[in-house]
C-alpha atoms as a PDB file:
ATOM      1  CA  MET A   1       7.677 -40.164 -47.113  1.00  0.00           C
ATOM      2  CA  LYS A   2       9.572 -40.159 -44.243  1.00  0.00           C
ATOM      3  CA  VAL A   3       9.568 -36.440 -44.012  1.00  0.00           C
ATOM      4  CA  VAL A   4       6.037 -36.153 -44.047  1.00  0.00           C
ATOM      5  CA  LEU A   5       5.519 -38.853 -41.451  1.00  0.00           C
ATOM      6  CA  ILE A   6       7.902 -36.774 -38.883  1.00  0.00           C
ATOM      7  CA  GLN A   7       6.011 -33.208 -39.468  1.00  0.00           C
ATOM      8  CA  MET A   8       2.949 -35.319 -38.996  1.00  0.00           C
ATOM      9  CA  THR A   9       4.104 -36.738 -35.666  1.00  0.00           C
ATOM     10  CA  LYS A  10       5.549 -33.208 -34.654  1.00  0.00           C
ATOM     11  CA  LEU A  11       2.125 -31.824 -35.213  1.00  0.00           C
ATOM     12  CA  LEU A  12       0.419 -34.576 -33.451  1.00  0.00           C
ATOM     13  CA  PHE A  13       2.311 -33.904 -30.318  1.00  0.00           C
ATOM     14  CA  ALA A  14       1.756 -30.251 -30.555  1.00  0.00           C
ATOM     15  CA  PHE A  15      -2.044 -30.556 -30.536  1.00  0.00           C
ATOM     16  CA  LEU A  16      -1.609 -32.931 -27.771  1.00  0.00           C
ATOM     17  CA  LEU A  17       0.351 -30.439 -25.880  1.00  0.00           C
ATOM     18  CA  ILE A  18      -2.699 -27.888 -26.419  1.00  0.00           C
ATOM     19  CA  PHE A  19      -4.914 -30.370 -25.531  1.00  0.00           C
ATOM     20  CA  ILE A  20      -3.352 -31.417 -22.176  1.00  0.00           C
ATOM     21  CA  SER A  21      -2.864 -27.692 -21.660  1.00  0.00           C
ATOM     22  CA  ILE A  22      -6.397 -26.866 -22.055  1.00  0.00           C
ATOM     23  CA  ASN A  23      -7.730 -29.692 -20.030  1.00  0.00           C
ATOM     24  CA  ALA A  24      -5.461 -29.531 -16.952  1.00  0.00           C
ATOM     25  CA  LYS A  25      -7.193 -30.953 -14.342  1.00  0.00           C
ATOM     26  CA  ASP A  26      -9.013 -29.366 -11.238  1.00  0.00           C
ATOM     27  CA  LEU A  27      -7.552 -30.448  -7.761  1.00  0.00           C
ATOM     28  CA  LYS A  28      -8.848 -29.900  -4.571  1.00  0.00           C
ATOM     29  CA  PRO A  29      -6.941 -29.211  -1.662  1.00  0.00           C
ATOM     30  CA  THR A  30      -6.034 -33.014   0.080  1.00  0.00           C
ATOM     31  CA  PHE A  31      -6.014 -31.106   3.418  1.00  0.00           C
ATOM     32  CA  VAL A  32      -6.677 -27.728   4.794  1.00  0.00           C
ATOM     33  CA  TYR A  33      -4.163 -26.464   7.193  1.00  0.00           C
ATOM     34  CA  GLU A  34      -5.408 -23.393  10.045  1.00  0.00           C
ATOM     35  CA  ALA A  35      -2.899 -21.135  11.458  1.00  0.00           C
ATOM     36  CA  SER A  36      -2.817 -18.356  13.917  1.00  0.00           C
ATOM     37  CA  GLY A  37      -3.250 -15.906  11.611  1.00  0.00           C
ATOM     38  CA  SER A  38      -2.995 -14.415   7.940  1.00  0.00           C
ATOM     39  CA  VAL A  39      -0.023 -16.177   6.720  1.00  0.00           C
ATOM     40  CA  VAL A  40       2.659 -14.735   5.470  1.00  0.00           C
ATOM     41  CA  ASP A  41       5.564 -16.924   4.453  1.00  0.00           C
ATOM     42  CA  ILE A  42       6.445 -20.645   4.691  1.00  0.00           C
ATOM     43  CA  VAL A  43       9.758 -22.841   4.800  1.00  0.00           C
ATOM     44  CA  ASN A  44      10.052 -26.760   5.868  1.00  0.00           C
ATOM     45  CA  ASP A  45      12.233 -29.187   6.720  1.00  0.00           C
ATOM     46  CA  ALA A  46      12.211 -32.833   6.888  1.00  0.00           C
ATOM     47  CA  ASN A  47       9.532 -33.376   9.106  1.00  0.00           C
ATOM     48  CA  ASN A  48       7.450 -29.852   9.697  1.00  0.00           C
ATOM     49  CA  ILE A  49       6.237 -26.921   8.478  1.00  0.00           C
ATOM     50  CA  TYR A  50       7.063 -23.335  10.148  1.00  0.00           C
ATOM     51  CA  VAL A  51       4.425 -21.230   9.010  1.00  0.00           C
ATOM     52  CA  ALA A  52       4.980 -17.464   9.415  1.00  0.00           C
ATOM     53  CA  THR A  53       1.863 -15.146  10.475  1.00  0.00           C
ATOM     54  CA  ASP A  54       0.329 -11.488  11.006  1.00  0.00           C
ATOM     55  CA  ALA A  55      -0.305 -12.849  14.467  1.00  0.00           C
ATOM     56  CA  SER A  56       3.022 -12.713  16.016  1.00  0.00           C
ATOM     57  CA  SER A  57       3.659 -16.037  15.409  1.00  0.00           C
ATOM     58  CA  VAL A  58       5.550 -18.624  13.651  1.00  0.00           C
ATOM     59  CA  ASP A  59       3.243 -21.882  13.708  1.00  0.00           C
ATOM     60  CA  ILE A  60       4.969 -25.419  13.628  1.00  0.00           C
ATOM     61  CA  PHE A  61       2.943 -28.069  11.885  1.00  0.00           C
ATOM     62  CA  ASP A  62       4.028 -31.897  12.068  1.00  0.00           C
ATOM     63  CA  LEU A  63       4.017 -32.939   8.210  1.00  0.00           C
ATOM     64  CA  LYS A  64       2.724 -36.489   9.025  1.00  0.00           C
ATOM     65  CA  SER A  65       0.122 -35.987  11.596  1.00  0.00           C
ATOM     66  CA  LYS A  66      -0.613 -32.496  10.204  1.00  0.00           C
ATOM     67  CA  LYS A  67      -1.159 -31.319  13.418  1.00  0.00           C
ATOM     68  CA  LEU A  68       0.236 -27.934  15.131  1.00  0.00           C
ATOM     69  CA  ILE A  69       2.902 -29.239  17.620  1.00  0.00           C
ATOM     70  CA  LYS A  70       3.918 -25.371  18.759  1.00  0.00           C
ATOM     71  CA  SER A  71       4.137 -21.889  18.166  1.00  0.00           C
ATOM     72  CA  VAL A  72       6.888 -19.285  18.590  1.00  0.00           C
ATOM     73  CA  LYS A  73       5.738 -16.294  19.861  1.00  0.00           C
ATOM     74  CA  ILE A  74       7.473 -13.119  19.258  1.00  0.00           C
ATOM     75  CA  PRO A  75       6.505  -9.852  21.540  1.00  0.00           C
ATOM     76  CA  GLN A  76       3.391  -7.493  20.389  1.00  0.00           C
ATOM     77  CA  ILE A  77       4.308  -3.644  19.242  1.00  0.00           C
ATOM     78  CA  LYS A  78       2.966  -0.359  19.822  1.00  0.00           C
ATOM     79  CA  ASP A  79       1.390   1.027  16.645  1.00  0.00           C
ATOM     80  CA  PHE A  80       1.353   4.725  15.415  1.00  0.00           C
ATOM     81  CA  MET A  81      -1.520   5.441  17.472  1.00  0.00           C
ATOM     82  CA  GLY A  82       0.177   3.657  20.600  1.00  0.00           C
ATOM     83  CA  ASP A  83      -1.974   0.701  20.743  1.00  0.00           C
ATOM     84  CA  ILE A  84      -0.562  -3.012  21.236  1.00  0.00           C
ATOM     85  CA  ILE A  85      -1.178  -4.676  17.885  1.00  0.00           C
ATOM     86  CA  ASP A  86       0.523  -8.253  16.843  1.00  0.00           C
ATOM     87  CA  ALA A  87       3.581  -7.833  14.872  1.00  0.00           C
ATOM     88  CA  LYS A  88       3.763  -9.346  11.401  1.00  0.00           C
ATOM     89  CA  ILE A  89       6.154 -11.831  10.579  1.00  0.00           C
ATOM     90  CA  TYR A  90       7.337 -11.520   7.223  1.00  0.00           C
ATOM     91  CA  ASN A  91       9.957 -14.094   6.703  1.00  0.00           C
ATOM     92  CA  VAL A  92      10.932 -17.462   8.252  1.00  0.00           C
ATOM     93  CA  ASP A  93      13.731 -19.954   7.676  1.00  0.00           C
ATOM     94  CA  ILE A  94      14.727 -23.117   9.003  1.00  0.00           C
ATOM     95  CA  TYR A  95      18.538 -24.776   9.467  1.00  0.00           C
ATOM     96  CA  ASN A  96      19.687 -27.022  12.373  1.00  0.00           C
ATOM     97  CA  ASN A  97      16.133 -26.657  14.660  1.00  0.00           C
ATOM     98  CA  LYS A  98      16.926 -23.254  14.848  1.00  0.00           C
ATOM     99  CA  ILE A  99      14.396 -20.303  13.401  1.00  0.00           C
ATOM    100  CA  LEU A 100      15.254 -17.507  11.348  1.00  0.00           C
ATOM    101  CA  LEU A 101      12.616 -14.853  10.959  1.00  0.00           C
ATOM    102  CA  ILE A 102      11.997 -11.339  10.112  1.00  0.00           C
ATOM    103  CA  ALA A 103       9.082  -9.210  12.471  1.00  0.00           C
ATOM    104  CA  GLN A 104       7.597  -5.900  12.568  1.00  0.00           C
ATOM    105  CA  SER A 105       8.459  -3.571  15.008  1.00  0.00           C
ATOM    106  CA  ILE A 106       7.762   0.070  15.764  1.00  0.00           C
ATOM    107  CA  LYS A 107       7.764   2.848  13.793  1.00  0.00           C
ATOM    108  CA  GLY A 108       7.569   0.700  10.569  1.00  0.00           C
ATOM    109  CA  LEU A 109      10.666  -0.940  11.028  1.00  0.00           C
ATOM    110  CA  ARG A 110      11.959  -4.485  10.831  1.00  0.00           C
ATOM    111  CA  GLU A 111      14.182  -6.807  13.184  1.00  0.00           C
ATOM    112  CA  ILE A 112      15.668  -9.710  12.729  1.00  0.00           C
ATOM    113  CA  HIS A 113      15.470 -12.693  14.928  1.00  0.00           C
ATOM    114  CA  VAL A 114      16.594 -15.990  15.810  1.00  0.00           C
ATOM    115  CA  TRP A 115      14.892 -18.600  17.711  1.00  0.00           C
ATOM    116  CA  GLU A 116      17.324 -21.150  19.587  1.00  0.00           C
ATOM    117  CA  ASP A 117      16.893 -23.293  22.721  1.00  0.00           C
ATOM    118  CA  ASN A 118      13.558 -22.042  23.527  1.00  0.00           C
ATOM    119  CA  LYS A 119      14.761 -18.069  23.894  1.00  0.00           C
ATOM    120  CA  LEU A 120      14.531 -15.752  21.106  1.00  0.00           C
ATOM    121  CA  ASN A 121      17.605 -13.632  20.359  1.00  0.00           C
ATOM    122  CA  THR A 122      17.661 -10.195  18.170  1.00  0.00           C
ATOM    123  CA  ILE A 123      20.563 -10.321  15.569  1.00  0.00           C
ATOM    124  CA  ILE A 124      19.499  -7.128  13.693  1.00  0.00           C
ATOM    125  CA  SER A 125      17.670  -4.594  15.719  1.00  0.00           C
ATOM    126  CA  ILE A 126      16.277  -1.503  14.696  1.00  0.00           C
ATOM    127  CA  GLU A 127      18.854   0.675  16.217  1.00  0.00           C
ATOM    128  CA  LYS A 128      20.504  -0.481  12.950  1.00  0.00           C
ATOM    129  CA  HIS A 129      18.143   1.206  10.781  1.00  0.00           C
ATOM    130  CA  LEU A 130      18.104  -1.346   7.895  1.00  0.00           C
ATOM    131  CA  PHE A 131      14.888  -1.968   6.481  1.00  0.00           C
ATOM    132  CA  VAL A 132      15.443  -5.504   6.030  1.00  0.00           C
ATOM    133  CA  ALA A 133      12.957  -7.331   3.845  1.00  0.00           C
ATOM    134  CA  LYS A 134      14.492 -11.096   3.485  1.00  0.00           C
ATOM    135  CA  ALA A 135      16.702 -13.244   4.996  1.00  0.00           C
ATOM    136  CA  LYS A 136      18.102 -17.308   5.258  1.00  0.00           C
ATOM    137  CA  PHE A 137      20.640 -19.092   6.992  1.00  0.00           C
ATOM    138  CA  ILE A 138      23.936 -19.932   5.063  1.00  0.00           C
ATOM    139  CA  ASP A 139      25.042 -21.916   7.738  1.00  0.00           C
ATOM    140  CA  ASP A 140      24.923 -22.387  11.670  1.00  0.00           C
ATOM    141  CA  ASN A 141      27.074 -18.781  12.255  1.00  0.00           C
ATOM    142  CA  THR A 142      25.933 -16.892   9.178  1.00  0.00           C
ATOM    143  CA  VAL A 143      22.784 -14.896   7.652  1.00  0.00           C
ATOM    144  CA  LEU A 144      21.946 -13.708   4.384  1.00  0.00           C
ATOM    145  CA  PHE A 145      19.771 -10.922   4.155  1.00  0.00           C
ATOM    146  CA  SER A 146      18.349  -8.163   1.592  1.00  0.00           C
ATOM    147  CA  THR A 147      17.207  -4.663   2.250  1.00  0.00           C
ATOM    148  CA  LEU A 148      14.674  -3.006   0.380  1.00  0.00           C
ATOM    149  CA  GLY A 149      16.853  -0.678  -0.992  1.00  0.00           C
ATOM    150  CA  ASN A 150      18.663  -3.695  -3.073  1.00  0.00           C
ATOM    151  CA  GLU A 151      21.430  -4.264  -0.642  1.00  0.00           C
ATOM    152  CA  MET A 152      22.693  -7.750   0.287  1.00  0.00           C
ATOM    153  CA  TYR A 153      24.351  -8.216   3.438  1.00  0.00           C
ATOM    154  CA  LEU A 154      26.388 -11.630   4.602  1.00  0.00           C
ATOM    155  CA  TYR A 155      26.447 -11.775   8.444  1.00  0.00           C
ATOM    156  CA  ASP A 156      28.176 -13.464  11.208  1.00  0.00           C
ATOM    157  CA  TYR A 157      25.145 -13.514  13.895  1.00  0.00           C
ATOM    158  CA  LYS A 158      27.565 -15.241  16.203  1.00  0.00           C
ATOM    159  CA  LYS A 159      30.042 -12.556  16.208  1.00  0.00           C
ATOM    160  CA  SER A 160      27.679  -9.524  15.355  1.00  0.00           C
ATOM    161  CA  LYS A 161      30.048  -8.966  12.313  1.00  0.00           C
ATOM    162  CA  ILE A 162      29.160  -8.073   8.613  1.00  0.00           C
ATOM    163  CA  LEU A 163      31.028 -10.041   6.598  1.00  0.00           C
ATOM    164  CA  TRP A 164      30.203  -8.295   3.123  1.00  0.00           C
ATOM    165  CA  LYS A 165      27.921  -6.258   1.898  1.00  0.00           C
ATOM    166  CA  ILE A 166      26.672  -5.408  -2.095  1.00  0.00           C
ATOM    167  CA  ASP A 167      24.561  -3.383  -3.888  1.00  0.00           C
ATOM    168  CA  VAL A 168      22.575  -5.769  -6.139  1.00  0.00           C
ATOM    169  CA  LYS A 169      22.675  -4.482  -9.710  1.00  0.00           C
ATOM    170  CA  PRO A 170      24.684  -4.735 -12.722  1.00  0.00           C
ATOM    171  CA  ASN A 171      27.498  -2.146 -13.331  1.00  0.00           C
ATOM    172  CA  ASP A 172      25.982  -0.223 -15.976  1.00  0.00           C
ATOM    173  CA  ALA A 173      22.710   0.158 -14.000  1.00  0.00           C
ATOM    174  CA  THR A 174      21.050   3.846 -14.548  1.00  0.00           C
ATOM    175  CA  PHE A 175      18.637   3.795 -11.639  1.00  0.00           C
ATOM    176  CA  ASN A 176      17.791   1.532  -8.272  1.00  0.00           C
ATOM    177  CA  SER A 177      15.299  -0.948  -8.093  1.00  0.00           C
ATOM    178  CA  THR A 178      13.428  -1.906  -5.125  1.00  0.00           C
ATOM    179  CA  PHE A 179      13.800  -5.578  -3.665  1.00  0.00           C
ATOM    180  CA  ALA A 180      11.387  -8.163  -4.241  1.00  0.00           C
ATOM    181  CA  ASP A 181      12.661 -11.736  -3.540  1.00  0.00           C
ATOM    182  CA  PHE A 182      15.616 -14.247  -3.436  1.00  0.00           C
ATOM    183  CA  ALA A 183      16.160 -17.358  -3.692  1.00  0.00           C
ATOM    184  CA  LEU A 184      19.047 -19.769  -2.976  1.00  0.00           C
ATOM    185  CA  ASN A 185      20.309 -23.033  -4.933  1.00  0.00           C
ATOM    186  CA  GLU A 186      20.675 -26.310  -3.119  1.00  0.00           C
ATOM    187  CA  ASP A 187      24.425 -25.494  -1.908  1.00  0.00           C
ATOM    188  CA  LYS A 188      24.087 -21.914  -0.913  1.00  0.00           C
ATOM    189  CA  SER A 189      26.679 -20.487  -3.367  1.00  0.00           C
ATOM    190  CA  LEU A 190      24.544 -18.741  -5.348  1.00  0.00           C
ATOM    191  CA  ALA A 191      21.431 -16.036  -4.795  1.00  0.00           C
ATOM    192  CA  VAL A 192      18.752 -15.110  -7.531  1.00  0.00           C
ATOM    193  CA  VAL A 193      17.525 -12.025  -6.641  1.00  0.00           C
ATOM    194  CA  ALA A 194      14.390 -10.126  -8.199  1.00  0.00           C
ATOM    195  CA  ASP A 195      13.278  -6.826  -7.832  1.00  0.00           C
ATOM    196  CA  GLU A 196      11.165  -3.869  -9.617  1.00  0.00           C
ATOM    197  CA  SER A 197      13.208  -4.066 -12.556  1.00  0.00           C
ATOM    198  CA  GLY A 198      12.073  -7.452 -14.057  1.00  0.00           C
ATOM    199  CA  ASP A 199      15.574  -8.677 -14.261  1.00  0.00           C
ATOM    200  CA  LEU A 200      17.072 -11.276 -12.075  1.00  0.00           C
ATOM    201  CA  LYS A 201      20.403 -10.705 -10.826  1.00  0.00           C
ATOM    202  CA  ILE A 202      22.564 -13.910  -9.879  1.00  0.00           C
ATOM    203  CA  VAL A 203      24.875 -13.149  -7.015  1.00  0.00           C
ATOM    204  CA  ASP A 204      27.843 -15.534  -6.288  1.00  0.00           C
ATOM    205  CA  LEU A 205      28.142 -15.339  -2.709  1.00  0.00           C
ATOM    206  CA  LYS A 206      31.688 -16.583  -1.993  1.00  0.00           C
ATOM    207  CA  ASN A 207      33.059 -13.584  -3.876  1.00  0.00           C
ATOM    208  CA  ALA A 208      30.065 -11.598  -3.194  1.00  0.00           C
ATOM    209  CA  LYS A 209      29.326 -10.310  -6.493  1.00  0.00           C
ATOM    210  CA  VAL A 210      26.794 -10.324  -9.399  1.00  0.00           C
ATOM    211  CA  ILE A 211      28.039 -12.850 -11.692  1.00  0.00           C
ATOM    212  CA  LYS A 212      24.807 -12.462 -14.205  1.00  0.00           C
ATOM    213  CA  VAL A 213      21.898 -10.767 -15.046  1.00  0.00           C
ATOM    214  CA  LEU A 214      19.017 -12.321 -16.830  1.00  0.00           C
ATOM    215  CA  ALA A 215      17.263  -9.682 -18.330  1.00  0.00           C
ATOM    216  CA  GLY A 216      14.200  -8.885 -20.974  1.00  0.00           C
ATOM    217  CA  LYS A 217      11.903 -11.397 -20.388  1.00  0.00           C
ATOM    218  CA  ASN A 218       9.837  -9.996 -17.403  1.00  0.00           C
ATOM    219  CA  LEU A 219       9.045  -6.593 -18.262  1.00  0.00           C
ATOM    220  CA  ASP A 220       8.162  -5.350 -15.064  1.00  0.00           C
ATOM    221  CA  LYS A 221       8.606  -6.173 -11.206  1.00  0.00           C
ATOM    222  CA  VAL A 222       9.078  -9.707 -10.500  1.00  0.00           C
ATOM    223  CA  PHE A 223       7.234 -10.900  -7.104  1.00  0.00           C
ATOM    224  CA  LYS A 224       8.615 -14.206  -6.298  1.00  0.00           C
ATOM    225  CA  VAL A 225      11.839 -16.305  -7.910  1.00  0.00           C
ATOM    226  CA  ASP A 226      12.449 -19.829  -7.211  1.00  0.00           C
ATOM    227  CA  ILE A 227      15.611 -21.692  -8.092  1.00  0.00           C
ATOM    228  CA  LYS A 228      15.760 -25.833  -8.279  1.00  0.00           C
ATOM    229  CA  ASN A 229      17.837 -27.944 -10.265  1.00  0.00           C
ATOM    230  CA  ASN A 230      19.314 -25.280 -12.469  1.00  0.00           C
ATOM    231  CA  LYS A 231      15.992 -23.770 -13.441  1.00  0.00           C
ATOM    232  CA  ILE A 232      14.184 -21.000 -12.356  1.00  0.00           C
ATOM    233  CA  ILE A 233      10.842 -19.341 -11.935  1.00  0.00           C
ATOM    234  CA  THR A 234       9.571 -16.250 -11.734  1.00  0.00           C
ATOM    235  CA  ALA A 235       6.420 -14.547 -10.744  1.00  0.00           C
ATOM    236  CA  GLY A 236       5.833 -11.190 -12.725  1.00  0.00           C
ATOM    237  CA  GLN A 237       3.877  -8.159 -12.639  1.00  0.00           C
ATOM    238  CA  ASP A 238       3.605  -8.752 -16.003  1.00  0.00           C
ATOM    239  CA  GLY A 239       1.383 -11.563 -16.181  1.00  0.00           C
ATOM    240  CA  ARG A 240       4.605 -13.655 -16.922  1.00  0.00           C
ATOM    241  CA  CYS A 241       5.697 -16.661 -15.097  1.00  0.00           C
ATOM    242  CA  VAL A 242       9.367 -17.046 -16.833  1.00  0.00           C
ATOM    243  CA  VAL A 243      11.233 -20.232 -16.694  1.00  0.00           C
ATOM    244  CA  TYR A 244      15.198 -20.423 -17.178  1.00  0.00           C
ATOM    245  CA  ASP A 245      17.345 -22.891 -17.841  1.00  0.00           C
ATOM    246  CA  LEU A 246      20.858 -22.418 -16.841  1.00  0.00           C
ATOM    247  CA  LYS A 247      22.248 -25.154 -18.091  1.00  0.00           C
ATOM    248  CA  SER A 248      20.902 -25.380 -21.836  1.00  0.00           C
ATOM    249  CA  LYS A 249      20.593 -21.214 -21.519  1.00  0.00           C
ATOM    250  CA  ARG A 250      16.713 -21.418 -23.024  1.00  0.00           C
ATOM    251  CA  ASP A 251      14.187 -19.658 -21.655  1.00  0.00           C
ATOM    252  CA  TYR A 252      10.522 -19.354 -22.235  1.00  0.00           C
ATOM    253  CA  PHE A 253       7.366 -17.731 -20.616  1.00  0.00           C
ATOM    254  CA  LEU A 254       3.982 -18.851 -19.845  1.00  0.00           C
ATOM    255  CA  ARG A 255       0.481 -16.608 -18.610  1.00  0.00           C
ATOM    256  CA  GLU A 256      -3.287 -17.530 -18.565  1.00  0.00           C
ATOM    257  CA  LYS A 257      -4.387 -14.374 -18.457  1.00  0.00           C
ATOM    258  CA  ARG A 258      -2.223 -11.207 -20.168  1.00  0.00           C
ATOM    259  CA  TRP A 259      -1.428  -8.539 -17.775  1.00  0.00           C
ATOM    260  CA  PHE A 260      -3.041 -10.562 -14.543  1.00  0.00           C
ATOM    261  CA  LEU A 261      -0.250 -10.082 -11.764  1.00  0.00           C
ATOM    262  CA  ILE A 262       1.004 -13.456 -10.965  1.00  0.00           C
ATOM    263  CA  TYR A 263       2.036 -13.169  -7.351  1.00  0.00           C
ATOM    264  CA  GLY A 264       3.481 -16.705  -6.698  1.00  0.00           C
ATOM    265  CA  ALA A 265       5.351 -19.224  -8.234  1.00  0.00           C
ATOM    266  CA  GLY A 266       7.810 -22.199  -7.114  1.00  0.00           C
ATOM    267  CA  LEU A 267       9.466 -25.581  -8.534  1.00  0.00           C
ATOM    268  CA  SER A 268       9.468 -29.048  -7.363  1.00  0.00           C
ATOM    269  CA  PRO A 269      12.851 -29.882  -5.846  1.00  0.00           C
ATOM    270  CA  ASN A 270      14.099 -32.006  -9.189  1.00  0.00           C
ATOM    271  CA  ALA A 271      12.464 -28.932 -11.466  1.00  0.00           C
ATOM    272  CA  LYS A 272      10.224 -30.670 -13.632  1.00  0.00           C
ATOM    273  CA  LEU A 273       6.953 -29.199 -12.227  1.00  0.00           C
ATOM    274  CA  GLY A 274       6.505 -25.430 -12.000  1.00  0.00           C
ATOM    275  CA  ALA A 275       3.517 -23.947 -10.322  1.00  0.00           C
ATOM    276  CA  PHE A 276       2.064 -20.062 -10.346  1.00  0.00           C
ATOM    277  CA  SER A 277      -0.452 -18.294  -9.671  1.00  0.00           C
ATOM    278  CA  SER A 278      -2.758 -17.800 -12.560  1.00  0.00           C
ATOM    279  CA  ASP A 279      -6.371 -16.459 -12.296  1.00  0.00           C
ATOM    280  CA  GLU A 280      -8.472 -14.043 -10.293  1.00  0.00           C
ATOM    281  CA  ASN A 281     -10.060 -17.022  -8.568  1.00  0.00           C
ATOM    282  CA  ASN A 282      -6.401 -17.616  -6.639  1.00  0.00           C
ATOM    283  CA  ASN A 283      -6.162 -20.936  -8.542  1.00  0.00           C
ATOM    284  CA  VAL A 284      -2.386 -22.444  -9.281  1.00  0.00           C
ATOM    285  CA  THR A 285      -1.354 -23.610 -12.613  1.00  0.00           C
ATOM    286  CA  VAL A 286       1.015 -26.653 -12.257  1.00  0.00           C
ATOM    287  CA  PHE A 287       3.073 -27.357 -15.578  1.00  0.00           C
ATOM    288  CA  ASN A 288       5.719 -29.652 -16.939  1.00  0.00           C
ATOM    289  CA  THR A 289       8.753 -27.289 -17.024  1.00  0.00           C
ATOM    290  CA  LYS A 290       9.787 -29.066 -19.965  1.00  0.00           C
ATOM    291  CA  THR A 291       6.933 -29.717 -22.456  1.00  0.00           C
ATOM    292  CA  LYS A 292       5.033 -26.489 -21.008  1.00  0.00           C
ATOM    293  CA  SER A 293       2.148 -28.563 -20.499  1.00  0.00           C
ATOM    294  CA  LYS A 294      -0.286 -27.667 -18.199  1.00  0.00           C
ATOM    295  CA  LEU A 295      -1.246 -30.414 -15.753  1.00  0.00           C
ATOM    296  CA  TYR A 296      -3.401 -29.309 -12.896  1.00  0.00           C
ATOM    297  CA  LYS A 297      -5.191 -26.196 -11.444  1.00  0.00           C
ATOM    298  CA  LEU A 298      -5.043 -25.971  -7.624  1.00  0.00           C
ATOM    299  CA  THR A 299      -8.086 -24.770  -6.770  1.00  0.00           C
ATOM    300  CA  ASN A 300      -9.781 -23.298  -3.438  1.00  0.00           C
ATOM    301  CA  ASN A 301      -7.489 -20.741  -2.311  1.00  0.00           C
ATOM    302  CA  LEU A 302      -9.333 -18.226  -0.488  1.00  0.00           C
ATOM    303  CA  MET A 303      -7.427 -15.118  -0.827  1.00  0.00           C
ATOM    304  CA  THR A 304      -4.345 -13.597  -2.528  1.00  0.00           C
ATOM    305  CA  LEU A 305      -1.242 -15.480  -3.036  1.00  0.00           C
ATOM    306  CA  SER A 306       1.782 -15.340  -0.747  1.00  0.00           C
ATOM    307  CA  SER A 307       3.607 -18.406  -1.244  1.00  0.00           C
ATOM    308  CA  ILE A 308       3.522 -21.397  -2.736  1.00  0.00           C
ATOM    309  CA  LEU A 309       6.359 -24.442  -1.836  1.00  0.00           C
ATOM    310  CA  PHE A 310       6.568 -27.839  -3.181  1.00  0.00           C
ATOM    311  CA  ILE A 311       7.974 -29.844  -0.170  1.00  0.00           C
ATOM    312  CA  SER A 312       8.448 -32.801  -2.356  1.00  0.00           C
ATOM    313  CA  ASN A 313       7.762 -33.655  -6.394  1.00  0.00           C
ATOM    314  CA  ASP A 314       4.405 -34.568  -5.642  1.00  0.00           C
ATOM    315  CA  GLU A 315       3.286 -32.162  -2.738  1.00  0.00           C
ATOM    316  CA  VAL A 316       2.459 -29.042  -2.761  1.00  0.00           C
ATOM    317  CA  PHE A 317       1.526 -26.176  -0.072  1.00  0.00           C
ATOM    318  CA  VAL A 318      -0.287 -23.225  -1.208  1.00  0.00           C
ATOM    319  CA  THR A 319      -0.901 -20.221   0.965  1.00  0.00           C
ATOM    320  CA  THR A 320      -2.854 -16.828   0.634  1.00  0.00           C
ATOM    321  CA  ASP A 321      -3.630 -13.584   3.207  1.00  0.00           C
ATOM    322  CA  SER A 322      -6.096 -16.228   5.215  1.00  0.00           C
ATOM    323  CA  ASN A 323      -5.066 -17.893   7.964  1.00  0.00           C
ATOM    324  CA  LYS A 324      -6.449 -21.203   6.073  1.00  0.00           C
ATOM    325  CA  PHE A 325      -4.248 -22.541   3.594  1.00  0.00           C
ATOM    326  CA  ASN A 326      -4.007 -25.825   1.529  1.00  0.00           C
ATOM    327  CA  TYR A 327      -1.950 -28.995   0.696  1.00  0.00           C
ATOM    328  CA  TYR A 328      -2.200 -30.714  -2.465  1.00  0.00           C
ATOM    329  CA  ASN A 329      -0.880 -34.261  -2.929  1.00  0.00           C
ATOM    330  CA  LEU A 330      -0.577 -34.622  -6.811  1.00  0.00           C
ATOM    331  CA  LYS A 331       0.317 -38.172  -6.736  1.00  0.00           C
ATOM    332  CA  GLY A 332      -2.882 -38.815  -4.934  1.00  0.00           C
ATOM    333  CA  GLN A 333      -4.913 -37.396  -7.126  1.00  0.00           C
END
């Protein structure tokens, strides 16, 4: 009798999860922000959000007032026809009131800049001939950046010195994969690197080496990766949002539609919630990472997603290839 009751309880729980997943609540934005151009990247600190655009600008919004308080402008550039155009800012990061950004330059090249004390300093110029793709602060003196060729550098920009450089691929790799994204864990000791192979490489930054490869779950390119509280989430070209638990060494994947390209994914700070772009209407599915139950569908996103950013366990930003981007307060809905 006891065994039967246990089995019935498990079945009821499974049906409940299915019901919750099917009936994920549709949420409209709590607030809609407007940037100076199409949004490419977004980060936050305790008080502000920093929005990289394709209009030669990083827009800074106050989180409390929701107002634009400042725009950091970079010089416009000449295109291949010699016309003056806005420079696209591909990547933005913040550390101790300093802003790190990767910006479009001439001839399709890119440069890395640091905005400090109201001054723009170029730390990696086009003369280096490095096709930089993403950069993050490690501390006051050093930045970590990757190139499109999947090379990773730790760079002391105060001394203009490369501390180390590695190829981010397993030792038995038979081909090079184009870089897609990387994310840092909370203490910035590890980087999780995603590329077109679908495999994730975990890099020990202190020892400058790949210490683990997570393979076989994404079958194609991973567009975005995030890591929080020993959990990793991916956004895959194969339509899979994969969740890895580094502690339990378990993993699983979710999807809404087979082979729908998932462009964005993110985790809440405590990693209890995950989110991924889930359909051609640019909606975002928020789910419980433990039970896999789908809780919310974030609606009214105008175009293809560029970023999903949790700024707390209950608040999330969704940006698209539009100048308008959405803030959702999950707790207030």
